[in-house]
Protein backbone atom coordinates (compact mmCIF):
# COMPACT_ATOMS: atom_id res chain seq x y z
CA UNK A 1 63.38 43.99 193.50
CA UNK A 2 62.00 47.50 192.99
CA UNK A 3 65.34 48.98 193.97
CA UNK A 4 67.15 46.76 191.43
CA UNK A 5 64.71 47.78 188.66
CA UNK A 6 65.20 51.50 189.49
CA UNK A 7 68.98 51.13 189.41
CA UNK A 8 68.88 49.39 186.03
CA UNK A 9 66.57 52.08 184.66
CA UNK A 10 68.89 54.84 185.90
CA UNK A 11 71.89 53.15 184.25
CA UNK A 12 69.99 52.81 180.94
CA UNK A 13 69.02 56.50 181.04
CA UNK A 14 72.62 57.54 181.72
CA UNK A 15 73.92 55.35 178.88
CA UNK A 16 71.32 56.76 176.46
CA UNK A 17 72.15 60.33 177.47
CA UNK A 18 75.88 59.66 177.04
CA UNK A 19 75.33 58.20 173.53
CA UNK A 20 73.14 61.18 172.59
CA UNK A 21 75.82 63.60 173.81
CA UNK A 22 78.48 61.73 171.80
CA UNK A 23 76.41 61.82 168.61
CA UNK A 24 75.61 65.51 169.08
CA UNK A 25 79.29 66.33 169.56
CA UNK A 26 80.23 64.32 166.45
CA UNK A 27 77.60 66.12 164.38
CA UNK A 28 78.80 69.49 165.64
CA UNK A 29 82.42 68.69 164.79
CA UNK A 30 81.40 67.40 161.38
CA UNK A 31 79.54 70.63 160.65
CA UNK A 32 82.65 72.60 161.57
CA UNK A 33 84.92 70.54 159.29
CA UNK A 34 85.02 71.74 155.64
CA UNK A 35 83.17 69.58 153.17
CA UNK A 36 84.94 68.23 150.08
CA UNK A 37 83.19 70.63 147.70
CA UNK A 38 83.66 73.60 150.03
CA UNK A 39 87.36 72.80 150.28
CA UNK A 40 87.73 72.77 146.50
CA UNK A 41 85.78 76.01 146.19
CA UNK A 42 88.02 77.73 148.72
CA UNK A 43 91.14 76.51 146.93
CA UNK A 44 89.87 77.72 143.54
CA UNK A 45 88.98 81.10 145.01
CA UNK A 46 92.52 81.40 146.36
CA UNK A 47 93.99 80.44 142.97
CA UNK A 48 91.78 82.98 141.18
CA UNK A 49 92.83 85.77 143.56
CA UNK A 50 96.51 84.94 143.11
CA UNK A 51 96.12 85.09 139.32
CA UNK A 52 96.86 88.40 137.59
CA UNK A 53 93.43 88.56 135.94
CA UNK A 54 91.36 85.97 137.78
CA UNK A 55 91.99 83.19 135.24
CA UNK A 56 93.37 79.93 136.64
CA UNK A 57 95.93 78.08 134.51
CA UNK A 58 94.67 74.49 134.50
CA UNK A 59 96.63 71.33 133.70
CA UNK A 60 95.66 67.64 133.81
CA UNK A 61 96.42 67.43 137.55
CA UNK A 62 94.22 70.40 138.46
CA UNK A 63 91.50 69.12 136.11
CA UNK A 64 91.59 65.77 137.90
CA UNK A 65 91.26 67.45 141.30
CA UNK A 66 88.68 70.15 140.62
CA UNK A 67 86.66 68.89 137.63
CA UNK A 68 86.48 65.11 137.82
CA UNK A 69 83.47 63.84 139.71
CA UNK A 70 79.72 63.35 139.46
CA UNK A 71 78.89 66.85 140.69
CA UNK A 72 80.58 70.09 141.72
CA UNK A 73 79.22 73.11 143.60
CA UNK A 74 80.58 75.43 140.89
CA UNK A 75 80.77 75.91 137.14
CA UNK A 76 84.03 75.95 135.18
CA UNK A 77 84.62 78.06 132.08
CA UNK A 78 87.53 76.81 129.97
CA UNK A 79 89.43 78.95 127.47
CA UNK A 80 91.46 76.69 125.18
CA UNK A 81 94.61 78.12 123.64
CA UNK A 82 97.88 77.06 122.01
CA UNK A 83 101.19 78.85 122.45
CA UNK A 84 102.41 77.99 118.93
CA UNK A 85 99.29 79.58 117.40
CA UNK A 86 99.10 82.78 119.44
CA UNK A 87 100.85 84.84 116.76
CA UNK A 88 98.44 83.71 114.04
CA UNK A 89 96.45 86.86 113.29
CA UNK A 90 93.44 85.06 111.82
CA UNK A 91 92.78 83.27 115.13
CA UNK A 92 93.39 86.28 117.37
CA UNK A 93 94.14 84.16 120.44
CA UNK A 94 96.11 86.87 122.24
CA UNK A 95 93.37 89.56 122.12
CA UNK A 96 90.72 86.95 122.90
CA UNK A 97 92.66 85.83 125.96
CA UNK A 98 92.93 89.47 127.07
CA UNK A 99 89.16 89.96 126.73
CA UNK A 100 88.56 86.70 128.61
CA UNK A 101 90.78 87.96 131.44
CA UNK A 102 88.88 91.26 131.58
CA UNK A 103 85.61 89.38 132.09
CA UNK A 104 87.13 87.11 134.76
CA UNK A 105 88.52 90.13 136.60
CA UNK A 106 85.14 91.92 136.43
CA UNK A 107 83.31 88.87 137.82
CA UNK A 108 85.87 88.53 140.61
CA UNK A 109 85.67 92.24 141.45
CA UNK A 110 81.86 92.36 141.43
CA UNK A 111 81.56 89.32 143.67
CA UNK A 112 78.76 87.93 141.50
CA UNK A 113 80.66 84.71 140.99
CA UNK A 114 80.61 83.99 144.71
CA UNK A 115 82.23 80.57 144.30
CA UNK A 116 79.64 79.68 141.64
CA UNK A 117 81.90 80.00 138.58
CA UNK A 118 85.64 79.95 137.93
CA UNK A 119 87.49 80.99 134.78
CA UNK A 120 90.29 78.71 133.64
CA UNK A 121 92.51 78.17 130.62
CA UNK A 122 94.07 75.10 129.06
CA UNK A 123 97.15 75.10 126.83
CA UNK A 124 97.37 72.53 124.02
CA UNK A 125 100.88 71.20 124.66
CA UNK A 126 100.24 70.84 128.40
CA UNK A 127 96.73 69.38 128.13
CA UNK A 128 96.40 67.80 124.70
CA UNK A 129 94.34 64.89 126.02
CA UNK A 130 91.87 67.32 127.62
CA UNK A 131 91.42 69.07 124.27
CA UNK A 132 90.21 65.78 122.82
CA UNK A 133 87.96 65.12 125.83
CA UNK A 134 86.37 68.57 125.42
CA UNK A 135 85.87 67.88 121.67
CA UNK A 136 87.89 70.98 120.74
CA UNK A 137 88.58 70.54 117.03
CA UNK A 138 89.43 74.19 116.33
CA UNK A 139 90.45 77.39 118.05
CA UNK A 140 89.27 79.66 119.54
CA UNK A 141 87.22 77.39 121.83
CA UNK A 142 85.41 78.43 125.01
CA UNK A 143 83.37 75.82 126.83
CA UNK A 144 81.24 75.78 129.99
CA UNK A 145 81.31 72.75 132.29
CA UNK A 146 78.15 72.72 134.38
CA UNK A 147 78.09 71.55 138.03
CA UNK A 148 75.87 68.58 137.15
CA UNK A 149 78.08 67.20 134.37
CA UNK A 150 79.40 63.76 135.32
CA UNK A 151 83.14 63.75 134.51
CA UNK A 152 85.18 60.58 134.72
CA UNK A 153 88.94 60.20 134.73
CA UNK A 154 88.99 59.49 131.00
CA UNK A 155 86.76 59.40 127.96
CA UNK A 156 84.99 62.19 126.06
CA UNK A 157 82.74 64.61 127.92
CA UNK A 158 79.09 64.97 126.99
CA UNK A 159 79.16 68.73 126.47
CA UNK A 160 75.84 70.24 125.44
CA UNK A 161 75.65 72.34 122.28
CA UNK A 162 74.69 75.47 124.21
CA UNK A 163 77.69 75.06 126.56
CA UNK A 164 80.16 75.86 123.77
CA UNK A 165 80.66 79.46 122.60
CA UNK A 166 80.14 79.13 118.87
CA UNK A 167 80.43 81.57 116.00
CA UNK A 168 76.86 81.05 114.84
CA UNK A 169 75.48 82.12 118.24
CA UNK A 170 77.84 84.97 119.08
CA UNK A 171 78.93 86.27 115.68
CA UNK A 172 82.52 86.25 114.48
CA UNK A 173 85.28 84.76 116.63
CA UNK A 174 86.83 88.18 117.37
CA UNK A 175 84.78 88.22 120.56
CA UNK A 176 84.87 91.06 123.04
CA UNK A 177 84.45 90.69 126.78
CA UNK A 178 80.78 91.71 126.48
CA UNK A 179 80.17 88.82 124.04
CA UNK A 180 81.72 86.43 126.55
CA UNK A 181 79.56 88.00 129.27
CA UNK A 182 76.48 87.13 127.20
CA UNK A 183 77.72 83.53 127.00
CA UNK A 184 78.25 83.57 130.79
CA UNK A 185 74.69 84.77 131.31
CA UNK A 186 73.27 82.06 129.01
CA UNK A 187 75.17 79.24 130.72
CA UNK A 188 75.34 80.24 134.40
CA UNK A 189 72.74 82.97 134.84
CA UNK A 190 75.37 85.41 136.15
CA UNK A 191 74.75 88.83 134.62
CA UNK A 192 77.57 91.29 134.06
CA UNK A 193 76.17 94.57 132.76
CA UNK A 194 79.31 95.89 131.10
CA UNK A 195 82.99 95.03 131.12
CA UNK A 196 85.18 98.11 131.27
CA UNK A 197 87.88 98.14 128.61
CA UNK A 198 91.28 99.52 129.68
CA UNK A 199 91.88 102.94 128.19
CA UNK A 200 94.50 105.61 128.75
CA UNK A 201 91.74 108.21 128.34
CA UNK A 202 90.34 107.14 131.73
CA UNK A 203 93.71 107.62 133.40
CA UNK A 204 94.51 110.64 135.55
CA UNK A 205 97.52 111.29 133.36
CA UNK A 206 95.41 111.80 130.24
CA UNK A 207 94.46 115.51 130.72
CA UNK A 208 98.02 116.82 131.25
CA UNK A 209 99.44 114.53 128.56
CA UNK A 210 96.73 115.65 126.10
CA UNK A 211 97.40 119.35 126.77
CA UNK A 212 101.16 118.82 126.42
CA UNK A 213 100.68 116.92 123.14
CA UNK A 214 98.48 119.68 121.67
CA UNK A 215 101.01 122.37 122.59
CA UNK A 216 103.91 120.32 121.22
CA UNK A 217 102.06 119.66 117.94
CA UNK A 218 101.28 123.37 117.58
CA UNK A 219 104.89 124.32 118.19
CA UNK A 220 106.11 121.67 115.73
CA UNK A 221 103.59 122.69 113.05
CA UNK A 222 104.57 126.36 113.35
CA UNK A 223 108.26 125.62 112.96
CA UNK A 224 107.71 123.20 110.09
CA UNK A 225 105.56 125.70 108.21
CA UNK A 226 108.33 128.30 108.22
CA UNK A 227 111.22 125.84 107.73
CA UNK A 228 113.18 126.41 104.46
CA UNK A 229 113.13 122.75 103.40
CA UNK A 230 109.31 122.76 103.39
CA UNK A 231 109.45 124.93 100.25
CA UNK A 232 111.41 122.24 98.38
CA UNK A 233 109.32 120.94 95.44
CA UNK A 234 111.07 117.57 95.42
CA UNK A 235 109.95 116.91 99.00
CA UNK A 236 106.31 117.50 98.10
CA UNK A 237 106.59 115.31 95.00
CA UNK A 238 108.07 112.52 97.12
CA UNK A 239 105.28 112.88 99.70
CA UNK A 240 102.61 112.70 97.01
CA UNK A 241 104.16 109.53 95.54
CA UNK A 242 104.34 107.88 98.98
CA UNK A 243 100.67 108.67 99.68
CA UNK A 244 99.67 107.34 96.24
CA UNK A 245 101.71 104.16 96.73
CA UNK A 246 100.31 103.55 100.22
CA UNK A 247 96.73 104.13 99.02
CA UNK A 248 96.77 101.85 95.96
CA UNK A 249 98.61 99.17 97.97
CA UNK A 250 95.69 98.91 100.40
CA UNK A 251 97.78 99.98 103.39
CA UNK A 252 94.83 101.43 105.30
CA UNK A 253 92.78 98.28 104.62
CA UNK A 254 95.62 96.17 106.03
CA UNK A 255 95.72 98.26 109.20
CA UNK A 256 91.95 98.25 109.76
CA UNK A 257 91.45 94.56 108.99
CA UNK A 258 94.70 93.36 110.54
CA UNK A 259 95.78 91.64 107.32
CA UNK A 260 98.99 89.60 107.78
CA UNK A 261 101.95 90.48 105.56
CA UNK A 262 102.62 86.83 104.67
CA UNK A 263 101.81 83.29 105.77
CA UNK A 264 103.80 80.04 105.94
CA UNK A 265 102.52 77.09 103.91
CA UNK A 266 102.49 73.45 105.02
CA UNK A 267 106.15 73.10 104.05
CA UNK A 268 107.18 76.13 106.10
CA UNK A 269 107.88 78.32 103.06
CA UNK A 270 106.84 81.96 103.25
CA UNK A 271 104.05 82.96 100.84
CA UNK A 272 103.32 86.59 100.00
CA UNK A 273 100.63 85.97 97.36
CA UNK A 274 97.32 84.33 98.23
CA UNK A 275 96.40 82.01 95.32
CA UNK A 276 92.73 82.96 95.07
CA UNK A 277 90.51 85.95 94.43
CA UNK A 278 89.04 85.81 97.94
CA UNK A 279 91.55 88.24 99.40
CA UNK A 280 95.16 89.31 99.51
CA UNK A 281 98.04 89.52 101.92
CA UNK A 282 99.71 92.73 103.03
CA UNK A 283 102.97 92.14 101.14
CA UNK A 284 100.98 91.26 98.03
CA UNK A 285 99.25 94.62 98.09
CA UNK A 286 102.49 96.55 98.53
CA UNK A 287 104.15 94.64 95.66
CA UNK A 288 101.25 95.40 93.32
CA UNK A 289 101.21 99.02 94.50
CA UNK A 290 104.90 99.32 93.67
CA UNK A 291 104.18 97.99 90.16
CA UNK A 292 101.38 100.52 89.66
CA UNK A 293 103.72 103.29 90.80
CA UNK A 294 106.52 102.06 88.54
CA UNK A 295 104.22 101.93 85.50
CA UNK A 296 102.87 105.40 86.21
CA UNK A 297 106.36 106.86 86.67
CA UNK A 298 107.53 105.28 83.40
CA UNK A 299 104.66 106.83 81.45
CA UNK A 300 105.07 110.17 83.24
CA UNK A 301 108.82 110.25 82.51
CA UNK A 302 108.19 109.42 78.84
CA UNK A 303 105.60 112.20 78.59
CA UNK A 304 107.21 115.02 80.58
CA UNK A 305 110.89 114.33 81.34
CA UNK A 306 112.23 112.77 78.12
CA UNK A 307 111.28 115.68 75.78
CA UNK A 308 113.28 118.09 77.97
CA UNK A 309 116.58 116.26 77.39
CA UNK A 310 119.01 118.30 75.27
CA UNK A 311 120.62 115.39 73.39
CA UNK A 312 118.63 113.76 70.62
CA UNK A 313 120.28 110.39 71.20
CA UNK A 314 119.68 110.77 74.92
CA UNK A 315 115.99 111.38 74.29
CA UNK A 316 115.85 108.31 72.07
CA UNK A 317 117.50 105.93 74.54
CA UNK A 318 115.55 107.36 77.47
CA UNK A 319 112.29 106.92 75.55
CA UNK A 320 113.18 103.29 74.73
CA UNK A 321 113.99 102.65 78.41
CA UNK A 322 110.70 104.17 79.59
CA UNK A 323 108.69 102.21 77.03
CA UNK A 324 110.47 98.95 77.83
CA UNK A 325 109.97 99.50 81.58
CA UNK A 326 106.27 100.31 81.18
CA UNK A 327 105.66 97.29 78.93
CA UNK A 328 107.44 94.82 81.23
CA UNK A 329 105.67 96.10 84.34
CA UNK A 330 102.31 96.00 82.58
CA UNK A 331 102.93 92.41 81.44
CA UNK A 332 103.79 91.39 85.00
CA UNK A 333 100.64 93.05 86.37
CA UNK A 334 98.47 91.28 83.77
CA UNK A 335 100.22 87.95 84.47
CA UNK A 336 99.60 88.18 88.21
CA UNK A 337 96.00 89.28 87.66
CA UNK A 338 95.42 86.29 85.35
CA UNK A 339 97.05 83.86 87.80
CA UNK A 340 95.00 85.14 90.73
CA UNK A 341 91.57 85.45 89.10
CA UNK A 342 91.75 82.90 86.31
CA UNK A 343 90.52 85.44 83.75
CA UNK A 344 92.12 85.40 80.31
CA UNK A 345 93.07 88.44 78.26
CA UNK A 346 92.48 88.62 74.53
CA UNK A 347 94.77 90.56 72.25
CA UNK A 348 93.61 91.82 68.86
CA UNK A 349 96.95 92.92 67.41
């Protein structure tokens, strides 16, 4: 009886030890196998490294794989864009996308992301339904999706106010990479001190190119100064008129502010005059500048050129032509000014 009891006890011990060994082996193998979140993180890191600037081009399929779920071990930053609006100067989508890429590249290079945040972009035609889910009603639109945000397969997302990069929090929408870095710090806690802007002045080619340019400009200036055509009065008169025309047309303002030359209306027709006194287009300024120049030249010709004509009848007809030209140009200037501002002119004769 005692021998039977000892044998049964030995068998029970062996069975228990075998089960413990099996469970330990299963746990060890499970720890070696990649978890679902770790697998997604590794795939996103690979996609970011393959991208030219660290920004992953998302579509509905990638959104379904890497964003949908109750939780994620990483944050997602979405930059929403539209190909058909990238040339619209007022939105500035192209330079904004470039600045966004600079920040993504800096985060990837610094290693501060560490699988915690990934930069992505969505294009309107490819992901129109996602635009509605992210409540993007205008562009530019940058939104942070936190790891704890519960995302289903459909329906609007409950994005917090502070998870959207808005104009009232970060100034105008012509954001630089440093502005986006401030948004990254506020939403994820990842701090990027400064994003280096690409510049030719930091290149190794800059010193020799700069020296060569200075020498070439000196050589050109010396030869121009002693060139015979530089003593031609007509050339200087033409240069003065071009400078005057460019100045009164607001050419420098257009360059600094990036004012578009024209804009298409809702019917697709090109408009060169903005129908309000809030601003003007580039072509509008150059047209008005040409009118100012034409009026000034008419008065100047009447004052200085007409009296020097030898023929009396020639002086008369030339004077009539100058007066008629000045009057018609002045009327057109006043008409456009009245149409744009709404002010009315009073005449007393």
